[in-house]
Amino acid sequence: MPLSEAQGELTDRVRALLADEPDLEEKAMFGSRAFLLDEKIVVAVFRDASLLVRVHVEEAASLVLEPGASPAVMGPQRREMGPGWLLVDHDHLDDDTRLLFWLDAARDFRRGQG
């Protein structure tokens, strides 16, 4: 399925900001464009250009209070994905400073995993 215009734009920005990651992998996954390190999701960009991020569970309670952030849910039942998974609304990713804030939080989590 082709990317929506907003999804394509955000995907390009994420790709550019993560370009310094030597083992970065990008793939289509669950209707998103996912960015992986060591075969694990760092972030994913959905069709509505929202950003899925995984962060340290200990930091999730404060990060979910950031503008546009909410616990990530999946499926029509809108079941929470679990602690540490957040969804950031596209309207709150309009500049690279905010986007980099979330990318750094996700990379920090990933680096702490292995």
N, C-alpha and C. Protein backbone atom coordinates (compact mmCIF):
# COMPACT_ATOMS: atom_id res chain seq x y z
N MET A 1 0.85 -1.17 0.00
CA MET A 1 0.00 0.00 0.00
C MET A 1 0.89 1.24 0.00
N PRO A 2 0.62 2.17 -0.92
CA PRO A 2 1.45 3.38 -0.95
C PRO A 2 1.25 4.22 0.30
N LEU A 3 2.28 4.98 0.61
CA LEU A 3 2.23 5.85 1.78
C LEU A 3 1.32 7.03 1.52
N SER A 4 0.62 7.49 2.54
CA SER A 4 -0.12 8.74 2.43
C SER A 4 0.90 9.87 2.32
N GLU A 5 0.46 11.02 1.85
CA GLU A 5 1.39 12.15 1.71
C GLU A 5 2.02 12.52 3.05
N ALA A 6 1.20 12.63 4.09
CA ALA A 6 1.71 12.99 5.42
C ALA A 6 2.64 11.90 5.96
N GLN A 7 2.28 10.65 5.73
CA GLN A 7 3.13 9.54 6.18
C GLN A 7 4.47 9.56 5.45
N GLY A 8 4.44 9.83 4.16
CA GLY A 8 5.67 9.90 3.38
C GLY A 8 6.59 11.02 3.86
N GLU A 9 6.00 12.18 4.14
CA GLU A 9 6.79 13.32 4.61
C GLU A 9 7.44 13.02 5.96
N LEU A 10 6.66 12.47 6.89
CA LEU A 10 7.23 12.16 8.21
C LEU A 10 8.25 11.04 8.11
N THR A 11 7.99 10.05 7.27
CA THR A 11 8.95 8.96 7.07
C THR A 11 10.27 9.51 6.56
N ASP A 12 10.22 10.43 5.61
CA ASP A 12 11.45 11.04 5.08
C ASP A 12 12.21 11.77 6.19
N ARG A 13 11.50 12.48 7.04
CA ARG A 13 12.15 13.21 8.13
C ARG A 13 12.78 12.25 9.13
N VAL A 14 12.06 11.19 9.48
CA VAL A 14 12.61 10.19 10.41
C VAL A 14 13.86 9.56 9.80
N ARG A 15 13.78 9.16 8.54
CA ARG A 15 14.91 8.54 7.86
C ARG A 15 16.13 9.46 7.91
N ALA A 16 15.94 10.75 7.63
CA ALA A 16 17.05 11.70 7.63
C ALA A 16 17.64 11.86 9.03
N LEU A 17 16.79 11.93 10.05
CA LEU A 17 17.28 12.14 11.42
C LEU A 17 17.93 10.88 12.01
N LEU A 18 17.61 9.72 11.46
CA LEU A 18 18.22 8.48 11.93
C LEU A 18 19.35 8.00 11.01
N ALA A 19 19.73 8.83 10.06
CA ALA A 19 20.73 8.43 9.07
C ALA A 19 22.07 8.05 9.69
N ASP A 20 22.37 8.53 10.89
CA ASP A 20 23.65 8.23 11.54
C ASP A 20 23.67 6.84 12.18
N GLU A 21 22.55 6.14 12.18
CA GLU A 21 22.48 4.79 12.76
C GLU A 21 22.98 3.78 11.72
N PRO A 22 24.12 3.12 11.98
CA PRO A 22 24.72 2.27 10.95
C PRO A 22 23.90 1.03 10.59
N ASP A 23 23.15 0.48 11.50
CA ASP A 23 22.42 -0.76 11.22
C ASP A 23 20.92 -0.55 11.14
N LEU A 24 20.51 0.65 10.78
CA LEU A 24 19.09 0.96 10.70
C LEU A 24 18.45 0.18 9.55
N GLU A 25 17.30 -0.39 9.82
CA GLU A 25 16.53 -1.11 8.81
C GLU A 25 15.15 -0.48 8.75
N GLU A 26 14.63 -0.34 7.55
CA GLU A 26 13.29 0.22 7.36
C GLU A 26 12.43 -0.81 6.65
N LYS A 27 11.22 -1.03 7.14
CA LYS A 27 10.34 -1.98 6.46
C LYS A 27 8.88 -1.65 6.72
N ALA A 28 8.05 -2.12 5.79
CA ALA A 28 6.61 -2.00 5.95
C ALA A 28 6.17 -3.00 7.02
N MET A 29 5.35 -2.52 7.96
CA MET A 29 4.94 -3.38 9.05
C MET A 29 3.60 -2.89 9.61
N PHE A 30 2.58 -3.72 9.55
CA PHE A 30 1.27 -3.40 10.14
C PHE A 30 0.71 -2.06 9.65
N GLY A 31 0.84 -1.79 8.37
CA GLY A 31 0.33 -0.54 7.82
C GLY A 31 1.19 0.67 8.12
N SER A 32 2.39 0.43 8.62
CA SER A 32 3.29 1.54 8.95
C SER A 32 4.61 1.37 8.22
N ARG A 33 5.45 2.39 8.34
CA ARG A 33 6.86 2.27 7.95
C ARG A 33 7.61 2.22 9.27
N ALA A 34 8.20 1.07 9.54
CA ALA A 34 8.89 0.87 10.82
C ALA A 34 10.39 1.02 10.61
N PHE A 35 11.05 1.58 11.61
CA PHE A 35 12.50 1.71 11.63
C PHE A 35 13.01 0.84 12.76
N LEU A 36 13.93 -0.07 12.42
CA LEU A 36 14.40 -1.07 13.37
C LEU A 36 15.90 -1.00 13.56
N LEU A 37 16.35 -1.31 14.75
CA LEU A 37 17.76 -1.53 15.07
C LEU A 37 17.84 -2.91 15.70
N ASP A 38 18.78 -3.71 15.23
CA ASP A 38 18.90 -5.09 15.73
C ASP A 38 17.57 -5.82 15.66
N GLU A 39 16.84 -5.60 14.57
CA GLU A 39 15.57 -6.27 14.29
C GLU A 39 14.45 -5.94 15.27
N LYS A 40 14.60 -4.84 16.01
CA LYS A 40 13.56 -4.41 16.95
C LYS A 40 13.13 -2.99 16.61
N ILE A 41 11.83 -2.75 16.71
CA ILE A 41 11.28 -1.45 16.34
C ILE A 41 11.81 -0.35 17.25
N VAL A 42 12.28 0.71 16.62
CA VAL A 42 12.64 1.94 17.33
C VAL A 42 11.44 2.88 17.27
N VAL A 43 10.96 3.13 16.06
CA VAL A 43 9.75 3.93 15.84
C VAL A 43 9.04 3.40 14.61
N ALA A 44 7.78 3.78 14.46
CA ALA A 44 7.02 3.46 13.26
C ALA A 44 6.12 4.64 12.93
N VAL A 45 5.97 4.90 11.64
CA VAL A 45 5.13 5.99 11.16
C VAL A 45 3.87 5.38 10.53
N PHE A 46 2.70 5.74 11.06
CA PHE A 46 1.44 5.21 10.56
C PHE A 46 0.87 6.08 9.45
N ARG A 47 -0.16 5.58 8.76
CA ARG A 47 -0.77 6.29 7.63
C ARG A 47 -1.24 7.69 8.00
N ASP A 48 -1.70 7.87 9.23
CA ASP A 48 -2.15 9.21 9.65
C ASP A 48 -0.98 10.07 10.11
N ALA A 49 0.23 9.57 9.92
CA ALA A 49 1.48 10.26 10.27
C ALA A 49 1.66 10.40 11.77
N SER A 50 0.99 9.56 12.53
CA SER A 50 1.31 9.49 13.96
C SER A 50 2.57 8.63 14.10
N LEU A 51 3.25 8.81 15.21
CA LEU A 51 4.53 8.13 15.43
C LEU A 51 4.41 7.20 16.63
N LEU A 52 4.70 5.93 16.40
CA LEU A 52 4.74 4.94 17.47
C LEU A 52 6.17 4.91 18.01
N VAL A 53 6.32 5.06 19.31
CA VAL A 53 7.65 5.03 19.93
C VAL A 53 7.62 4.08 21.12
N ARG A 54 8.76 3.45 21.35
CA ARG A 54 8.90 2.63 22.55
C ARG A 54 9.93 3.30 23.44
N VAL A 55 9.55 3.51 24.68
CA VAL A 55 10.41 4.23 25.62
C VAL A 55 10.55 3.39 26.89
N HIS A 56 11.47 3.78 27.73
CA HIS A 56 11.64 3.11 29.02
C HIS A 56 10.34 3.19 29.81
N VAL A 57 9.92 2.08 30.37
CA VAL A 57 8.69 2.04 31.16
C VAL A 57 8.73 3.08 32.27
N GLU A 58 9.90 3.24 32.89
CA GLU A 58 10.04 4.20 33.98
C GLU A 58 9.81 5.64 33.53
N GLU A 59 10.02 5.92 32.26
CA GLU A 59 9.86 7.27 31.73
C GLU A 59 8.50 7.48 31.07
N ALA A 60 7.79 6.41 30.79
CA ALA A 60 6.54 6.50 30.04
C ALA A 60 5.50 7.37 30.75
N ALA A 61 5.42 7.28 32.07
CA ALA A 61 4.41 8.06 32.81
C ALA A 61 4.61 9.56 32.64
N SER A 62 5.85 10.01 32.56
CA SER A 62 6.08 11.44 32.35
C SER A 62 6.02 11.79 30.86
N LEU A 63 6.49 10.90 30.00
CA LEU A 63 6.47 11.20 28.56
C LEU A 63 5.06 11.24 27.99
N VAL A 64 4.15 10.46 28.55
CA VAL A 64 2.77 10.47 28.05
C VAL A 64 2.09 11.82 28.31
N LEU A 65 2.67 12.63 29.19
CA LEU A 65 2.15 13.97 29.47
C LEU A 65 2.63 15.01 28.46
N GLU A 66 3.58 14.62 27.60
CA GLU A 66 4.06 15.54 26.56
C GLU A 66 2.91 15.82 25.58
N PRO A 67 2.89 17.01 24.98
CA PRO A 67 1.82 17.34 24.03
C PRO A 67 1.73 16.32 22.90
N GLY A 68 0.51 15.84 22.67
CA GLY A 68 0.25 14.92 21.57
C GLY A 68 0.50 13.46 21.87
N ALA A 69 1.03 13.14 23.04
CA ALA A 69 1.36 11.74 23.36
C ALA A 69 0.19 11.05 24.05
N SER A 70 0.06 9.76 23.78
CA SER A 70 -0.95 8.94 24.44
C SER A 70 -0.45 7.50 24.46
N PRO A 71 -1.00 6.67 25.33
CA PRO A 71 -0.63 5.26 25.31
C PRO A 71 -1.00 4.67 23.94
N ALA A 72 -0.13 3.87 23.37
CA ALA A 72 -0.39 3.27 22.06
C ALA A 72 -1.41 2.15 22.20
N VAL A 73 -2.34 2.11 21.25
CA VAL A 73 -3.36 1.07 21.23
C VAL A 73 -3.34 0.38 19.88
N MET A 74 -3.90 -0.83 19.83
CA MET A 74 -3.92 -1.55 18.56
C MET A 74 -5.28 -2.19 18.34
N GLY A 75 -5.59 -2.34 17.07
CA GLY A 75 -6.80 -3.03 16.67
C GLY A 75 -8.07 -2.27 16.94
N PRO A 76 -9.17 -2.80 16.39
CA PRO A 76 -10.46 -2.15 16.58
C PRO A 76 -10.92 -2.13 18.03
N GLN A 77 -10.39 -3.05 18.83
CA GLN A 77 -10.73 -3.06 20.25
C GLN A 77 -9.96 -1.99 21.02
N ARG A 78 -8.98 -1.39 20.34
CA ARG A 78 -8.14 -0.34 20.92
C ARG A 78 -7.49 -0.79 22.22
N ARG A 79 -6.93 -1.99 22.16
CA ARG A 79 -6.24 -2.57 23.31
C ARG A 79 -4.86 -1.92 23.45
N GLU A 80 -4.52 -1.50 24.67
CA GLU A 80 -3.20 -0.88 24.89
C GLU A 80 -2.10 -1.87 24.55
N MET A 81 -1.05 -1.37 23.91
CA MET A 81 0.07 -2.21 23.50
C MET A 81 0.94 -2.62 24.67
N GLY A 82 0.88 -1.87 25.73
CA GLY A 82 1.67 -2.22 26.90
C GLY A 82 2.50 -1.05 27.37
N PRO A 83 3.09 -1.20 28.55
CA PRO A 83 3.87 -0.11 29.11
C PRO A 83 5.07 0.22 28.21
N GLY A 84 5.28 1.49 28.04
CA GLY A 84 6.43 1.92 27.26
C GLY A 84 6.13 2.18 25.80
N TRP A 85 4.96 1.79 25.32
CA TRP A 85 4.57 2.07 23.93
C TRP A 85 3.69 3.31 23.91
N LEU A 86 4.13 4.34 23.19
CA LEU A 86 3.38 5.59 23.10
C LEU A 86 3.11 5.94 21.64
N LEU A 87 2.05 6.67 21.42
CA LEU A 87 1.71 7.17 20.10
C LEU A 87 1.72 8.69 20.18
N VAL A 88 2.41 9.31 19.23
CA VAL A 88 2.50 10.77 19.20
C VAL A 88 1.77 11.27 17.97
N ASP A 89 0.82 12.16 18.19
CA ASP A 89 0.00 12.71 17.12
C ASP A 89 0.85 13.56 16.17
N HIS A 90 0.54 13.45 14.89
CA HIS A 90 1.28 14.17 13.84
C HIS A 90 1.34 15.68 14.09
N ASP A 91 0.27 16.25 14.61
CA ASP A 91 0.23 17.70 14.83
C ASP A 91 1.29 18.19 15.82
N HIS A 92 1.86 17.27 16.57
CA HIS A 92 2.87 17.64 17.56
C HIS A 92 4.27 17.22 17.13
N LEU A 93 4.43 16.98 15.83
CA LEU A 93 5.73 16.60 15.28
C LEU A 93 6.10 17.53 14.14
N ASP A 94 5.63 18.77 14.22
CA ASP A 94 5.77 19.68 13.10
C ASP A 94 7.16 20.27 12.92
N ASP A 95 8.03 20.12 13.90
CA ASP A 95 9.41 20.57 13.69
C ASP A 95 10.37 19.46 14.12
N ASP A 96 11.58 19.53 13.58
CA ASP A 96 12.55 18.46 13.83
C ASP A 96 13.01 18.40 15.27
N THR A 97 12.92 19.50 16.00
CA THR A 97 13.29 19.47 17.42
C THR A 97 12.37 18.53 18.19
N ARG A 98 11.07 18.65 17.95
CA ARG A 98 10.10 17.77 18.64
C ARG A 98 10.25 16.33 18.16
N LEU A 99 10.43 16.16 16.87
CA LEU A 99 10.60 14.81 16.34
C LEU A 99 11.85 14.17 16.91
N LEU A 100 12.94 14.92 16.96
CA LEU A 100 14.19 14.39 17.50
C LEU A 100 14.05 14.04 18.99
N PHE A 101 13.26 14.80 19.73
CA PHE A 101 12.99 14.48 21.13
C PHE A 101 12.47 13.05 21.25
N TRP A 102 11.49 12.70 20.41
CA TRP A 102 10.91 11.36 20.46
C TRP A 102 11.85 10.30 19.91
N LEU A 103 12.57 10.62 18.85
CA LEU A 103 13.54 9.65 18.31
C LEU A 103 14.63 9.35 19.32
N ASP A 104 15.09 10.37 20.03
CA ASP A 104 16.12 10.15 21.05
C ASP A 104 15.60 9.29 22.20
N ALA A 105 14.36 9.53 22.62
CA ALA A 105 13.78 8.71 23.69
C ALA A 105 13.68 7.25 23.26
N ALA A 106 13.29 7.02 22.01
CA ALA A 106 13.17 5.66 21.50
C ALA A 106 14.54 5.00 21.33
N ARG A 107 15.52 5.76 20.83
CA ARG A 107 16.87 5.19 20.68
C ARG A 107 17.48 4.90 22.04
N ASP A 108 17.23 5.76 23.00
CA ASP A 108 17.74 5.53 24.35
C ASP A 108 17.19 4.21 24.91
N PHE A 109 15.91 3.98 24.70
CA PHE A 109 15.32 2.71 25.14
C PHE A 109 15.99 1.54 24.43
N ARG A 110 16.12 1.65 23.12
CA ARG A 110 16.69 0.55 22.33
C ARG A 110 18.12 0.26 22.77
N ARG A 111 18.91 1.28 22.99
CA ARG A 111 20.31 1.07 23.41
C ARG A 111 20.39 0.40 24.77
N GLY A 112 19.43 0.68 25.64
CA GLY A 112 19.41 0.07 26.96
C GLY A 112 18.97 -1.38 26.95
N GLN A 113 18.52 -1.86 25.79
CA GLN A 113 18.04 -3.23 25.69
C GLN A 113 19.10 -4.22 25.25
N GLY A 114 20.23 -3.74 24.80
CA GLY A 114 21.14 -4.76 24.35
C GLY A 114 22.47 -4.30 24.00
